[in-house]
Amino acid sequence: MRERFVVLWRRRSGAECPYRTADTGLSLAELLRELVPVLEENGVAVEVRGEETDGEGMVYFNGVPLDDLLAEAAGAERYCAGPSRMEELGNPALAFDPDAPVGRVLPEIFFRKAVLLALEE
């Protein structure tokens, strides 16, 4: 596991982050505020940087686009033969649709998995 977690947030001036959790309603920034102390307690140094851009906004975890990490995290659900966890949570409408565009609003577990994927060596 990597000992460093770097979040680079490139966005246009005044633009809001489109990433949020579908099930818990947290924005990406709120979720990161929860995760940073846990990472630091486990020996991972965390750096969160923001940059303004004229182009399309993008978030990177350890240099990897968050959209790519979320796609990989969401793809892991194909290995589970059991019922959707979202069905168990009482909201089957939030279960991941493989035909939906990845990225913006997904269950929190996908964002947490994206962090773990970014920490893999």
PDB file of N, CA and C in Angstrom:
ATOM      1  N   MET A   1       0.844  -1.181   0.000  1.00  0.00           N
ATOM      2  CA  MET A   1       0.000   0.000   0.000  1.00  0.00           C
ATOM      3  C   MET A   1       0.889   1.243   0.000  1.00  0.00           C
ATOM      4  N   ARG A   2       0.489   2.211  -0.785  1.00  0.00           N
ATOM      5  CA  ARG A   2       1.242   3.461  -0.833  1.00  0.00           C
ATOM      6  C   ARG A   2       1.096   4.214   0.475  1.00  0.00           C
ATOM      7  N   GLU A   3       2.104   4.974   0.795  1.00  0.00           N
ATOM      8  CA  GLU A   3       2.107   5.742   2.039  1.00  0.00           C
ATOM      9  C   GLU A   3       1.688   7.186   1.814  1.00  0.00           C
ATOM     10  N   ARG A   4       1.259   7.490   0.596  1.00  0.00           N
ATOM     11  CA  ARG A   4       0.879   8.867   0.262  1.00  0.00           C
ATOM     12  C   ARG A   4      -0.393   8.840  -0.578  1.00  0.00           C
ATOM     13  N   PHE A   5      -1.309   9.739  -0.251  1.00  0.00           N
ATOM     14  CA  PHE A   5      -2.560   9.880  -0.996  1.00  0.00           C
ATOM     15  C   PHE A   5      -2.697  11.339  -1.394  1.00  0.00           C
ATOM     16  N   VAL A   6      -2.615  11.592  -2.704  1.00  0.00           N
ATOM     17  CA  VAL A   6      -2.671  12.958  -3.217  1.00  0.00           C
ATOM     18  C   VAL A   6      -3.952  13.129  -4.021  1.00  0.00           C
ATOM     19  N   VAL A   7      -4.725  14.127  -3.633  1.00  0.00           N
ATOM     20  CA  VAL A   7      -5.937  14.479  -4.359  1.00  0.00           C
ATOM     21  C   VAL A   7      -5.651  15.783  -5.096  1.00  0.00           C
ATOM     22  N   LEU A   8      -5.795  15.748  -6.402  1.00  0.00           N
ATOM     23  CA  LEU A   8      -5.650  16.950  -7.215  1.00  0.00           C
ATOM     24  C   LEU A   8      -7.008  17.242  -7.825  1.00  0.00           C
ATOM     25  N   TRP A   9      -7.498  18.444  -7.561  1.00  0.00           N
ATOM     26  CA  TRP A   9      -8.827  18.833  -7.982  1.00  0.00           C
ATOM     27  C   TRP A   9      -8.682  19.983  -8.965  1.00  0.00           C
ATOM     28  N   ARG A  10      -8.850  19.696 -10.245  1.00  0.00           N
ATOM     29  CA  ARG A  10      -8.786  20.738 -11.271  1.00  0.00           C
ATOM     30  C   ARG A  10     -10.214  21.150 -11.596  1.00  0.00           C
ATOM     31  N   ARG A  11     -10.490  22.448 -11.456  1.00  0.00           N
ATOM     32  CA  ARG A  11     -11.847  22.907 -11.745  1.00  0.00           C
ATOM     33  C   ARG A  11     -11.842  24.345 -12.217  1.00  0.00           C
ATOM     34  N   ARG A  12     -12.900  24.664 -12.926  1.00  0.00           N
ATOM     35  CA  ARG A  12     -13.083  26.037 -13.369  1.00  0.00           C
ATOM     36  C   ARG A  12     -13.488  26.889 -12.180  1.00  0.00           C
ATOM     37  N   SER A  13     -13.139  28.129 -12.216  1.00  0.00           N
ATOM     38  CA  SER A  13     -13.458  29.055 -11.134  1.00  0.00           C
ATOM     39  C   SER A  13     -14.966  29.073 -10.870  1.00  0.00           C
ATOM     40  N   GLY A  14     -15.336  28.867  -9.626  1.00  0.00           N
ATOM     41  CA  GLY A  14     -16.736  28.911  -9.231  1.00  0.00           C
ATOM     42  C   GLY A  14     -17.531  27.652  -9.508  1.00  0.00           C
ATOM     43  N   ALA A  15     -16.929  26.669 -10.176  1.00  0.00           N
ATOM     44  CA  ALA A  15     -17.650  25.428 -10.496  1.00  0.00           C
ATOM     45  C   ALA A  15     -17.772  24.553  -9.259  1.00  0.00           C
ATOM     46  N   GLU A  16     -18.930  23.937  -9.098  1.00  0.00           N
ATOM     47  CA  GLU A  16     -19.136  23.005  -7.991  1.00  0.00           C
ATOM     48  C   GLU A  16     -18.685  21.620  -8.409  1.00  0.00           C
ATOM     49  N   CYS A  17     -18.281  20.835  -7.442  1.00  0.00           N
ATOM     50  CA  CYS A  17     -17.875  19.464  -7.718  1.00  0.00           C
ATOM     51  C   CYS A  17     -19.115  18.629  -8.032  1.00  0.00           C
ATOM     52  N   PRO A  18     -19.116  17.916  -9.149  1.00  0.00           N
ATOM     53  CA  PRO A  18     -20.282  17.113  -9.499  1.00  0.00           C
ATOM     54  C   PRO A  18     -20.334  15.759  -8.783  1.00  0.00           C
ATOM     55  N   TYR A  19     -19.280  15.403  -8.068  1.00  0.00           N
ATOM     56  CA  TYR A  19     -19.240  14.102  -7.398  1.00  0.00           C
ATOM     57  C   TYR A  19     -19.944  14.174  -6.052  1.00  0.00           C
ATOM     58  N   ARG A  20     -20.853  13.232  -5.835  1.00  0.00           N
ATOM     59  CA  ARG A  20     -21.475  13.098  -4.525  1.00  0.00           C
ATOM     60  C   ARG A  20     -21.977  11.669  -4.391  1.00  0.00           C
ATOM     61  N   THR A  21     -22.230  11.302  -3.153  1.00  0.00           N
ATOM     62  CA  THR A  21     -22.680   9.937  -2.905  1.00  0.00           C
ATOM     63  C   THR A  21     -24.196   9.872  -3.050  1.00  0.00           C
ATOM     64  N   ALA A  22     -24.654   8.830  -3.697  1.00  0.00           N
ATOM     65  CA  ALA A  22     -26.079   8.675  -3.951  1.00  0.00           C
ATOM     66  C   ALA A  22     -26.838   8.229  -2.702  1.00  0.00           C
ATOM     67  N   ASP A  23     -26.194   7.430  -1.868  1.00  0.00           N
ATOM     68  CA  ASP A  23     -26.900   6.848  -0.734  1.00  0.00           C
ATOM     69  C   ASP A  23     -26.777   7.664   0.546  1.00  0.00           C
ATOM     70  N   THR A  24     -25.638   8.272   0.779  1.00  0.00           N
ATOM     71  CA  THR A  24     -25.461   9.036   2.024  1.00  0.00           C
ATOM     72  C   THR A  24     -25.566  10.535   1.805  1.00  0.00           C
ATOM     73  N   GLY A  25     -25.587  10.968   0.540  1.00  0.00           N
ATOM     74  CA  GLY A  25     -25.759  12.379   0.228  1.00  0.00           C
ATOM     75  C   GLY A  25     -24.546  13.259   0.465  1.00  0.00           C
ATOM     76  N   LEU A  26     -23.385  12.654   0.699  1.00  0.00           N
ATOM     77  CA  LEU A  26     -22.177  13.439   0.948  1.00  0.00           C
ATOM     78  C   LEU A  26     -21.565  13.923  -0.359  1.00  0.00           C
ATOM     79  N   SER A  27     -21.019  15.117  -0.329  1.00  0.00           N
ATOM     80  CA  SER A  27     -20.219  15.578  -1.459  1.00  0.00           C
ATOM     81  C   SER A  27     -18.865  14.888  -1.361  1.00  0.00           C
ATOM     82  N   LEU A  28     -18.095  14.942  -2.423  1.00  0.00           N
ATOM     83  CA  LEU A  28     -16.759  14.347  -2.397  1.00  0.00           C
ATOM     84  C   LEU A  28     -15.911  15.002  -1.313  1.00  0.00           C
ATOM     85  N   ALA A  29     -16.002  16.315  -1.184  1.00  0.00           N
ATOM     86  CA  ALA A  29     -15.218  17.026  -0.164  1.00  0.00           C
ATOM     87  C   ALA A  29     -15.605  16.557   1.243  1.00  0.00           C
ATOM     88  N   GLU A  30     -16.894  16.371   1.492  1.00  0.00           N
ATOM     89  CA  GLU A  30     -17.340  15.902   2.813  1.00  0.00           C
ATOM     90  C   GLU A  30     -16.845  14.491   3.088  1.00  0.00           C
ATOM     91  N   LEU A  31     -16.902  13.633   2.083  1.00  0.00           N
ATOM     92  CA  LEU A  31     -16.426  12.265   2.255  1.00  0.00           C
ATOM     93  C   LEU A  31     -14.926  12.250   2.524  1.00  0.00           C
ATOM     94  N   LEU A  32     -14.178  13.072   1.797  1.00  0.00           N
ATOM     95  CA  LEU A  32     -12.729  13.127   2.029  1.00  0.00           C
ATOM     96  C   LEU A  32     -12.418  13.629   3.434  1.00  0.00           C
ATOM     97  N   ARG A  33     -13.195  14.575   3.947  1.00  0.00           N
ATOM     98  CA  ARG A  33     -12.977  15.046   5.331  1.00  0.00           C
ATOM     99  C   ARG A  33     -13.150  13.914   6.332  1.00  0.00           C
ATOM    100  N   GLU A  34     -14.024  12.970   6.034  1.00  0.00           N
ATOM    101  CA  GLU A  34     -14.198  11.806   6.905  1.00  0.00           C
ATOM    102  C   GLU A  34     -13.042  10.813   6.757  1.00  0.00           C
ATOM    103  N   LEU A  35     -12.554  10.651   5.530  1.00  0.00           N
ATOM    104  CA  LEU A  35     -11.547   9.622   5.260  1.00  0.00           C
ATOM    105  C   LEU A  35     -10.125  10.036   5.609  1.00  0.00           C
ATOM    106  N   VAL A  36      -9.814  11.316   5.503  1.00  0.00           N
ATOM    107  CA  VAL A  36      -8.438  11.773   5.736  1.00  0.00           C
ATOM    108  C   VAL A  36      -7.930  11.372   7.118  1.00  0.00           C
ATOM    109  N   PRO A  37      -8.668  11.599   8.217  1.00  0.00           N
ATOM    110  CA  PRO A  37      -8.143  11.179   9.528  1.00  0.00           C
ATOM    111  C   PRO A  37      -7.891   9.677   9.614  1.00  0.00           C
ATOM    112  N   VAL A  38      -8.747   8.885   8.980  1.00  0.00           N
ATOM    113  CA  VAL A  38      -8.569   7.424   9.002  1.00  0.00           C
ATOM    114  C   VAL A  38      -7.300   7.045   8.255  1.00  0.00           C
ATOM    115  N   LEU A  39      -7.080   7.665   7.107  1.00  0.00           N
ATOM    116  CA  LEU A  39      -5.861   7.383   6.343  1.00  0.00           C
ATOM    117  C   LEU A  39      -4.621   7.784   7.138  1.00  0.00           C
ATOM    118  N   GLU A  40      -4.658   8.971   7.720  1.00  0.00           N
ATOM    119  CA  GLU A  40      -3.505   9.454   8.483  1.00  0.00           C
ATOM    120  C   GLU A  40      -3.229   8.587   9.707  1.00  0.00           C
ATOM    121  N   GLU A  41      -4.270   8.108  10.369  1.00  0.00           N
ATOM    122  CA  GLU A  41      -4.087   7.205  11.519  1.00  0.00           C
ATOM    123  C   GLU A  41      -3.392   5.915  11.104  1.00  0.00           C
ATOM    124  N   ASN A  42      -3.538   5.558   9.827  1.00  0.00           N
ATOM    125  CA  ASN A  42      -2.933   4.331   9.310  1.00  0.00           C
ATOM    126  C   ASN A  42      -1.639   4.587   8.553  1.00  0.00           C
ATOM    127  N   GLY A  43      -1.024   5.738   8.794  1.00  0.00           N
ATOM    128  CA  GLY A  43       0.297   6.027   8.260  1.00  0.00           C
ATOM    129  C   GLY A  43       0.334   6.551   6.837  1.00  0.00           C
ATOM    130  N   VAL A  44      -0.791   6.959   6.295  1.00  0.00           N
ATOM    131  CA  VAL A  44      -0.834   7.492   4.937  1.00  0.00           C
ATOM    132  C   VAL A  44      -0.825   9.019   5.015  1.00  0.00           C
ATOM    133  N   ALA A  45       0.176   9.633   4.392  1.00  0.00           N
ATOM    134  CA  ALA A  45       0.232  11.096   4.322  1.00  0.00           C
ATOM    135  C   ALA A  45      -0.750  11.552   3.247  1.00  0.00           C
ATOM    136  N   VAL A  46      -1.548  12.568   3.561  1.00  0.00           N
ATOM    137  CA  VAL A  46      -2.582  13.036   2.636  1.00  0.00           C
ATOM    138  C   VAL A  46      -2.286  14.467   2.222  1.00  0.00           C
ATOM    139  N   GLU A  47      -2.419  14.713   0.927  1.00  0.00           N
ATOM    140  CA  GLU A  47      -2.278  16.056   0.383  1.00  0.00           C
ATOM    141  C   GLU A  47      -3.465  16.312  -0.546  1.00  0.00           C
ATOM    142  N   VAL A  48      -4.172  17.414  -0.299  1.00  0.00           N
ATOM    143  CA  VAL A  48      -5.290  17.799  -1.155  1.00  0.00           C
ATOM    144  C   VAL A  48      -4.949  19.147  -1.769  1.00  0.00           C
ATOM    145  N   ARG A  49      -4.892  19.175  -3.108  1.00  0.00           N
ATOM    146  CA  ARG A  49      -4.553  20.401  -3.821  1.00  0.00           C
ATOM    147  C   ARG A  49      -5.669  20.746  -4.791  1.00  0.00           C
ATOM    148  N   GLY A  50      -5.832  22.036  -5.014  1.00  0.00           N
ATOM    149  CA  GLY A  50      -6.789  22.500  -6.007  1.00  0.00           C
ATOM    150  C   GLY A  50      -6.087  23.367  -7.030  1.00  0.00           C
ATOM    151  N   GLU A  51      -6.501  23.241  -8.274  1.00  0.00           N
ATOM    152  CA  GLU A  51      -5.964  24.058  -9.358  1.00  0.00           C
ATOM    153  C   GLU A  51      -7.125  24.549 -10.205  1.00  0.00           C
ATOM    154  N   GLU A  52      -7.039  25.796 -10.625  1.00  0.00           N
ATOM    155  CA  GLU A  52      -8.047  26.310 -11.545  1.00  0.00           C
ATOM    156  C   GLU A  52      -7.649  25.968 -12.961  1.00  0.00           C
ATOM    157  N   THR A  53      -8.646  25.678 -13.797  1.00  0.00           N
ATOM    158  CA  THR A  53      -8.409  25.337 -15.189  1.00  0.00           C
ATOM    159  C   THR A  53      -9.460  26.008 -16.056  1.00  0.00           C
ATOM    160  N   ASP A  54      -9.123  26.240 -17.290  1.00  0.00           N
ATOM    161  CA  ASP A  54     -10.095  26.762 -18.249  1.00  0.00           C
ATOM    162  C   ASP A  54     -10.839  25.620 -18.930  1.00  0.00           C
ATOM    163  N   GLY A  55     -10.278  24.433 -18.853  1.00  0.00           N
ATOM    164  CA  GLY A  55     -10.878  23.264 -19.499  1.00  0.00           C
ATOM    165  C   GLY A  55     -11.861  22.555 -18.585  1.00  0.00           C
ATOM    166  N   GLU A  56     -12.071  21.297 -18.897  1.00  0.00           N
ATOM    167  CA  GLU A  56     -12.986  20.476 -18.118  1.00  0.00           C
ATOM    168  C   GLU A  56     -12.389  20.166 -16.747  1.00  0.00           C
ATOM    169  N   GLY A  57     -13.198  20.249 -15.731  1.00  0.00           N
ATOM    170  CA  GLY A  57     -12.742  19.912 -14.390  1.00  0.00           C
ATOM    171  C   GLY A  57     -12.511  18.418 -14.252  1.00  0.00           C
ATOM    172  N   MET A  58     -11.603  18.075 -13.361  1.00  0.00           N
ATOM    173  CA  MET A  58     -11.266  16.668 -13.165  1.00  0.00           C
ATOM    174  C   MET A  58     -10.678  16.496 -11.770  1.00  0.00           C
ATOM    175  N   VAL A  59     -10.920  15.342 -11.179  1.00  0.00           N
ATOM    176  CA  VAL A  59     -10.336  15.000  -9.892  1.00  0.00           C
ATOM    177  C   VAL A  59      -9.421  13.798 -10.112  1.00  0.00           C
ATOM    178  N   TYR A  60      -8.249  13.851  -9.493  1.00  0.00           N
ATOM    179  CA  TYR A  60      -7.270  12.766  -9.585  1.00  0.00           C
ATOM    180  C   TYR A  60      -6.935  12.273  -8.191  1.00  0.00           C
ATOM    181  N   PHE A  61      -6.861  10.965  -8.024  1.00  0.00           N
ATOM    182  CA  PHE A  61      -6.366  10.346  -6.798  1.00  0.00           C
ATOM    183  C   PHE A  61      -5.025   9.713  -7.159  1.00  0.00           C
ATOM    184  N   ASN A  62      -3.945  10.189  -6.573  1.00  0.00           N
ATOM    185  CA  ASN A  62      -2.598   9.687  -6.862  1.00  0.00           C
ATOM    186  C   ASN A  62      -2.322   9.659  -8.363  1.00  0.00           C
ATOM    187  N   GLY A  63      -2.746  10.706  -9.051  1.00  0.00           N
ATOM    188  CA  GLY A  63      -2.463  10.845 -10.469  1.00  0.00           C
ATOM    189  C   GLY A  63      -3.405  10.110 -11.401  1.00  0.00           C
ATOM    190  N   VAL A  64      -4.330   9.342 -10.863  1.00  0.00           N
ATOM    191  CA  VAL A  64      -5.273   8.580 -11.685  1.00  0.00           C
ATOM    192  C   VAL A  64      -6.619   9.314 -11.687  1.00  0.00           C
ATOM    193  N   PRO A  65      -7.224   9.522 -12.861  1.00  0.00           N
ATOM    194  CA  PRO A  65      -8.531  10.189 -12.886  1.00  0.00           C
ATOM    195  C   PRO A  65      -9.552   9.433 -12.036  1.00  0.00           C
ATOM    196  N   LEU A  66     -10.289  10.184 -11.233  1.00  0.00           N
ATOM    197  CA  LEU A  66     -11.299   9.572 -10.367  1.00  0.00           C
ATOM    198  C   LEU A  66     -12.316   8.787 -11.181  1.00  0.00           C
ATOM    199  N   ASP A  67     -12.692   9.278 -12.358  1.00  0.00           N
ATOM    200  CA  ASP A  67     -13.646   8.544 -13.195  1.00  0.00           C
ATOM    201  C   ASP A  67     -13.142   7.136 -13.517  1.00  0.00           C
ATOM    202  N   ASP A  68     -11.836   7.002 -13.783  1.00  0.00           N
ATOM    203  CA  ASP A  68     -11.267   5.685 -14.087  1.00  0.00           C
ATOM    204  C   ASP A  68     -11.325   4.771 -12.865  1.00  0.00           C
ATOM    205  N   LEU A  69     -11.008   5.332 -11.703  1.00  0.00           N
ATOM    206  CA  LEU A  69     -11.054   4.541 -10.467  1.00  0.00           C
ATOM    207  C   LEU A  69     -12.480   4.111 -10.145  1.00  0.00           C
ATOM    208  N   LEU A  70     -13.435   5.012 -10.353  1.00  0.00           N
ATOM    209  CA  LEU A  70     -14.840   4.675 -10.097  1.00  0.00           C
ATOM    210  C   LEU A  70     -15.331   3.604 -11.061  1.00  0.00           C
ATOM    211  N   ALA A  71     -14.897   3.676 -12.311  1.00  0.00           N
ATOM    212  CA  ALA A  71     -15.284   2.652 -13.287  1.00  0.00           C
ATOM    213  C   ALA A  71     -14.746   1.291 -12.863  1.00  0.00           C
ATOM    214  N   GLU A  72     -13.512   1.272 -12.384  1.00  0.00           N
ATOM    215  CA  GLU A  72     -12.923   0.006 -11.910  1.00  0.00           C
ATOM    216  C   GLU A  72     -13.648  -0.494 -10.667  1.00  0.00           C
ATOM    217  N   ALA A  73     -13.948   0.401  -9.753  1.00  0.00           N
ATOM    218  CA  ALA A  73     -14.664   0.014  -8.530  1.00  0.00           C
ATOM    219  C   ALA A  73     -16.054  -0.504  -8.861  1.00  0.00           C
ATOM    220  N   ALA A  74     -16.729   0.150  -9.772  1.00  0.00           N
ATOM    221  CA  ALA A  74     -18.077  -0.275 -10.151  1.00  0.00           C
ATOM    222  C   ALA A  74     -18.040  -1.595 -10.896  1.00  0.00           C
ATOM    223  N   GLY A  75     -16.997  -1.836 -11.657  1.00  0.00           N
ATOM    224  CA  GLY A  75     -16.869  -3.081 -12.396  1.00  0.00           C
ATOM    225  C   GLY A  75     -16.725  -4.281 -11.501  1.00  0.00           C
ATOM    226  N   ALA A  76     -16.270  -4.082 -10.272  1.00  0.00           N
ATOM    227  CA  ALA A  76     -16.097  -5.194  -9.341  1.00  0.00           C
ATOM    228  C   ALA A  76     -17.424  -5.832  -8.982  1.00  0.00           C
ATOM    229  N   GLU A  77     -18.535  -5.111  -9.148  1.00  0.00           N
ATOM    230  CA  GLU A  77     -19.833  -5.676  -8.782  1.00  0.00           C
ATOM    231  C   GLU A  77     -20.205  -6.873  -9.653  1.00  0.00           C
ATOM    232  N   ARG A  78     -19.565  -7.010 -10.819  1.00  0.00           N
ATOM    233  CA  ARG A  78     -19.900  -8.140 -11.681  1.00  0.00           C
ATOM    234  C   ARG A  78     -19.449  -9.471 -11.068  1.00  0.00           C
ATOM    235  N   TYR A  79     -18.562  -9.421 -10.083  1.00  0.00           N
ATOM    236  CA  TYR A  79     -18.090 -10.646  -9.447  1.00  0.00           C
ATOM    237  C   TYR A  79     -19.020 -11.129  -8.344  1.00  0.00           C
ATOM    238  N   CYS A  80     -19.966 -10.306  -7.966  1.00  0.00           N
ATOM    239  CA  CYS A  80     -20.872 -10.658  -6.875  1.00  0.00           C
ATOM    240  C   CYS A  80     -22.139 -11.272  -7.445  1.00  0.00           C
ATOM    241  N   ALA A  81     -22.443 -12.501  -7.045  1.00  0.00           N
ATOM    242  CA  ALA A  81     -23.637 -13.169  -7.544  1.00  0.00           C
ATOM    243  C   ALA A  81     -24.843 -12.915  -6.653  1.00  0.00           C
ATOM    244  N   GLY A  82     -24.616 -12.273  -5.504  1.00  0.00           N
ATOM    245  CA  GLY A  82     -25.704 -12.022  -4.564  1.00  0.00           C
ATOM    246  C   GLY A  82     -26.528 -10.810  -4.966  1.00  0.00           C
ATOM    247  N   PRO A  83     -27.606 -10.546  -4.201  1.00  0.00           N
ATOM    248  CA  PRO A  83     -28.445  -9.387  -4.497  1.00  0.00           C
ATOM    249  C   PRO A  83     -27.680  -8.091  -4.285  1.00  0.00           C
ATOM    250  N   SER A  84     -28.125  -7.066  -4.949  1.00  0.00           N
ATOM    251  CA  SER A  84     -27.473  -5.767  -4.848  1.00  0.00           C
ATOM    252  C   SER A  84     -27.493  -5.264  -3.420  1.00  0.00           C
ATOM    253  N   ARG A  85     -26.377  -4.712  -2.971  1.00  0.00           N
ATOM    254  CA  ARG A  85     -26.328  -4.106  -1.630  1.00  0.00           C
ATOM    255  C   ARG A  85     -27.312  -2.950  -1.550  1.00  0.00           C
ATOM    256  N   MET A  86     -27.562  -2.271  -2.659  1.00  0.00           N
ATOM    257  CA  MET A  86     -28.507  -1.165  -2.633  1.00  0.00           C
ATOM    258  C   MET A  86     -29.914  -1.670  -2.406  1.00  0.00           C
ATOM    259  N   GLU A  87     -30.214  -2.879  -2.888  1.00  0.00           N
ATOM    260  CA  GLU A  87     -31.525  -3.467  -2.607  1.00  0.00           C
ATOM    261  C   GLU A  87     -31.652  -3.745  -1.112  1.00  0.00           C
ATOM    262  N   GLU A  88     -30.563  -4.232  -0.514  1.00  0.00           N
ATOM    263  CA  GLU A  88     -30.575  -4.498   0.918  1.00  0.00           C
ATOM    264  C   GLU A  88     -30.744  -3.216   1.723  1.00  0.00           C
ATOM    265  N   LEU A  89     -30.249  -2.107   1.189  1.00  0.00           N
ATOM    266  CA  LEU A  89     -30.389  -0.837   1.884  1.00  0.00           C
ATOM    267  C   LEU A  89     -31.742  -0.192   1.618  1.00  0.00           C
ATOM    268  N   GLY A  90     -32.593  -0.865   0.855  1.00  0.00           N
ATOM    269  CA  GLY A  90     -33.944  -0.372   0.646  1.00  0.00           C
ATOM    270  C   GLY A  90     -34.079   0.627  -0.483  1.00  0.00           C
ATOM    271  N   ASN A  91     -33.085   0.755  -1.329  1.00  0.00           N
ATOM    272  CA  ASN A  91     -33.181   1.706  -2.427  1.00  0.00           C
ATOM    273  C   ASN A  91     -32.608   1.088  -3.697  1.00  0.00           C
ATOM    274  N   PRO A  92     -33.343   0.140  -4.301  1.00  0.00           N
ATOM    275  CA  PRO A  92     -32.805  -0.533  -5.484  1.00  0.00           C
ATOM    276  C   PRO A  92     -32.578   0.406  -6.663  1.00  0.00           C
ATOM    277  N   ALA A  93     -33.233   1.554  -6.678  1.00  0.00           N
ATOM    278  CA  ALA A  93     -33.043   2.492  -7.785  1.00  0.00           C
ATOM    279  C   ALA A  93     -31.609   3.018  -7.827  1.00  0.00           C
ATOM    280  N   LEU A  94     -30.887   2.943  -6.708  1.00  0.00           N
ATOM    281  CA  LEU A  94     -29.521   3.437  -6.663  1.00  0.00           C
ATOM    282  C   LEU A  94     -28.490   2.376  -7.019  1.00  0.00           C
ATOM    283  N   ALA A  95     -28.944   1.148  -7.251  1.00  0.00           N
ATOM    284  CA  ALA A  95     -28.003   0.091  -7.627  1.00  0.00           C
ATOM    285  C   ALA A  95     -27.312   0.491  -8.927  1.00  0.00           C
ATOM    286  N   PHE A  96     -26.057   0.128  -9.060  1.00  0.00           N
ATOM    287  CA  PHE A  96     -25.271   0.565 -10.210  1.00  0.00           C
ATOM    288  C   PHE A  96     -25.827  -0.001 -11.512  1.00  0.00           C
ATOM    289  N   ASP A  97     -26.041   0.868 -12.459  1.00  0.00           N
ATOM    290  CA  ASP A  97     -26.491   0.491 -13.796  1.00  0.00           C
ATOM    291  C   ASP A  97     -25.265   0.474 -14.702  1.00  0.00           C
ATOM    292  N   PRO A  98     -24.854  -0.684 -15.217  1.00  0.00           N
ATOM    293  CA  PRO A  98     -23.630  -0.735 -16.022  1.00  0.00           C
ATOM    294  C   PRO A  98     -23.713   0.106 -17.289  1.00  0.00           C
ATOM    295  N   ASP A  99     -24.890   0.492 -17.723  1.00  0.00           N
ATOM    296  CA  ASP A  99     -25.025   1.320 -18.918  1.00  0.00           C
ATOM    297  C   ASP A  99     -25.038   2.813 -18.606  1.00  0.00           C
ATOM    298  N   ALA A 100     -25.103   3.157 -17.327  1.00  0.00           N
ATOM    299  CA  ALA A 100     -25.122   4.571 -16.945  1.00  0.00           C
ATOM    300  C   ALA A 100     -23.705   5.125 -17.020  1.00  0.00           C
ATOM    301  N   PRO A 101     -23.573   6.418 -17.300  1.00  0.00           N
ATOM    302  CA  PRO A 101     -22.227   6.992 -17.296  1.00  0.00           C
ATOM    303  C   PRO A 101     -21.644   6.940 -15.896  1.00  0.00           C
ATOM    304  N   VAL A 102     -20.404   6.491 -15.797  1.00  0.00           N
ATOM    305  CA  VAL A 102     -19.746   6.407 -14.499  1.00  0.00           C
ATOM    306  C   VAL A 102     -19.293   7.797 -14.102  1.00  0.00           C
ATOM    307  N   GLY A 103     -19.236   8.032 -12.809  1.00  0.00           N
ATOM    308  CA  GLY A 103     -18.682   9.273 -12.379  1.00  0.00           C
ATOM    309  C   GLY A 103     -19.543  10.100 -11.508  1.00  0.00           C
ATOM    310  N   ARG A 104     -20.186  10.807 -11.553  1.00  0.00           N
ATOM    311  CA  ARG A 104     -20.847  11.837 -10.793  1.00  0.00           C
ATOM    312  C   ARG A 104     -21.562  11.400  -9.514  1.00  0.00           C
ATOM    313  N   VAL A 105     -22.627  10.658  -9.570  1.00  0.00           N
ATOM    314  CA  VAL A 105     -23.391  10.305  -8.373  1.00  0.00           C
ATOM    315  C   VAL A 105     -23.491   8.788  -8.280  1.00  0.00           C
ATOM    316  N   LEU A 106     -22.783   8.233  -7.317  1.00  0.00           N
ATOM    317  CA  LEU A 106     -22.736   6.781  -7.117  1.00  0.00           C
ATOM    318  C   LEU A 106     -22.804   6.479  -5.628  1.00  0.00           C
ATOM    319  N   PRO A 107     -23.131   5.254  -5.255  1.00  0.00           N
ATOM    320  CA  PRO A 107     -23.100   4.892  -3.841  1.00  0.00           C
ATOM    321  C   PRO A 107     -21.718   5.144  -3.220  1.00  0.00           C
ATOM    322  N   GLU A 108     -21.718   5.497  -1.961  1.00  0.00           N
ATOM    323  CA  GLU A 108     -20.481   5.857  -1.257  1.00  0.00           C
ATOM    324  C   GLU A 108     -19.414   4.778  -1.340  1.00  0.00           C
ATOM    325  N   ILE A 109     -19.825   3.525  -1.333  1.00  0.00           N
ATOM    326  CA  ILE A 109     -18.855   2.428  -1.336  1.00  0.00           C
ATOM    327  C   ILE A 109     -17.939   2.493  -2.558  1.00  0.00           C
ATOM    328  N   PHE A 110     -18.430   2.991  -3.697  1.00  0.00           N
ATOM    329  CA  PHE A 110     -17.592   3.108  -4.890  1.00  0.00           C
ATOM    330  C   PHE A 110     -16.493   4.149  -4.691  1.00  0.00           C
ATOM    331  N   PHE A 111     -16.809   5.251  -4.030  1.00  0.00           N
ATOM    332  CA  PHE A 111     -15.793   6.273  -3.767  1.00  0.00           C
ATOM    333  C   PHE A 111     -14.740   5.745  -2.792  1.00  0.00           C
ATOM    334  N   ARG A 112     -15.196   5.015  -1.770  1.00  0.00           N
ATOM    335  CA  ARG A 112     -14.249   4.437  -0.812  1.00  0.00           C
ATOM    336  C   ARG A 112     -13.335   3.422  -1.505  1.00  0.00           C
ATOM    337  N   LYS A 113     -13.904   2.615  -2.391  1.00  0.00           N
ATOM    338  CA  LYS A 113     -13.101   1.646  -3.142  1.00  0.00           C
ATOM    339  C   LYS A 113     -12.117   2.373  -4.064  1.00  0.00           C
ATOM    340  N   ALA A 114     -12.518   3.501  -4.634  1.00  0.00           N
ATOM    341  CA  ALA A 114     -11.625   4.279  -5.499  1.00  0.00           C
ATOM    342  C   ALA A 114     -10.397   4.754  -4.714  1.00  0.00           C
ATOM    343  N   VAL A 115     -10.604   5.143  -3.459  1.00  0.00           N
ATOM    344  CA  VAL A 115      -9.483   5.551  -2.613  1.00  0.00           C
ATOM    345  C   VAL A 115      -8.538   4.373  -2.416  1.00  0.00           C
ATOM    346  N   LEU A 116      -9.097   3.219  -2.098  1.00  0.00           N
ATOM    347  CA  LEU A 116      -8.262   2.034  -1.890  1.00  0.00           C
ATOM    348  C   LEU A 116      -7.512   1.648  -3.168  1.00  0.00           C
ATOM    349  N   LEU A 117      -8.181   1.739  -4.306  1.00  0.00           N
ATOM    350  CA  LEU A 117      -7.504   1.417  -5.571  1.00  0.00           C
ATOM    351  C   LEU A 117      -6.338   2.376  -5.830  1.00  0.00           C
ATOM    352  N   ALA A 118      -6.526   3.646  -5.496  1.00  0.00           N
ATOM    353  CA  ALA A 118      -5.463   4.631  -5.689  1.00  0.00           C
ATOM    354  C   ALA A 118      -4.276   4.380  -4.766  1.00  0.00           C
ATOM    355  N   LEU A 119      -4.511   3.694  -3.666  1.00  0.00           N
ATOM    356  CA  LEU A 119      -3.438   3.404  -2.716  1.00  0.00           C
ATOM    357  C   LEU A 119      -2.701   2.098  -3.029  1.00  0.00           C
ATOM    358  N   GLU A 120      -3.244   1.322  -3.959  1.00  0.00           N
ATOM    359  CA  GLU A 120      -2.562   0.080  -4.337  1.00  0.00           C
ATOM    360  C   GLU A 120      -1.279   0.389  -5.083  1.00  0.00           C
ATOM    361  N   GLU A 121      -0.298  -0.482  -4.911  1.00  0.00           N
ATOM    362  CA  GLU A 121       0.969  -0.287  -5.641  1.00  0.00           C
ATOM    363  C   GLU A 121       1.006  -1.163  -6.862  1.00  0.00           C
TER     364      GLU A 121
END
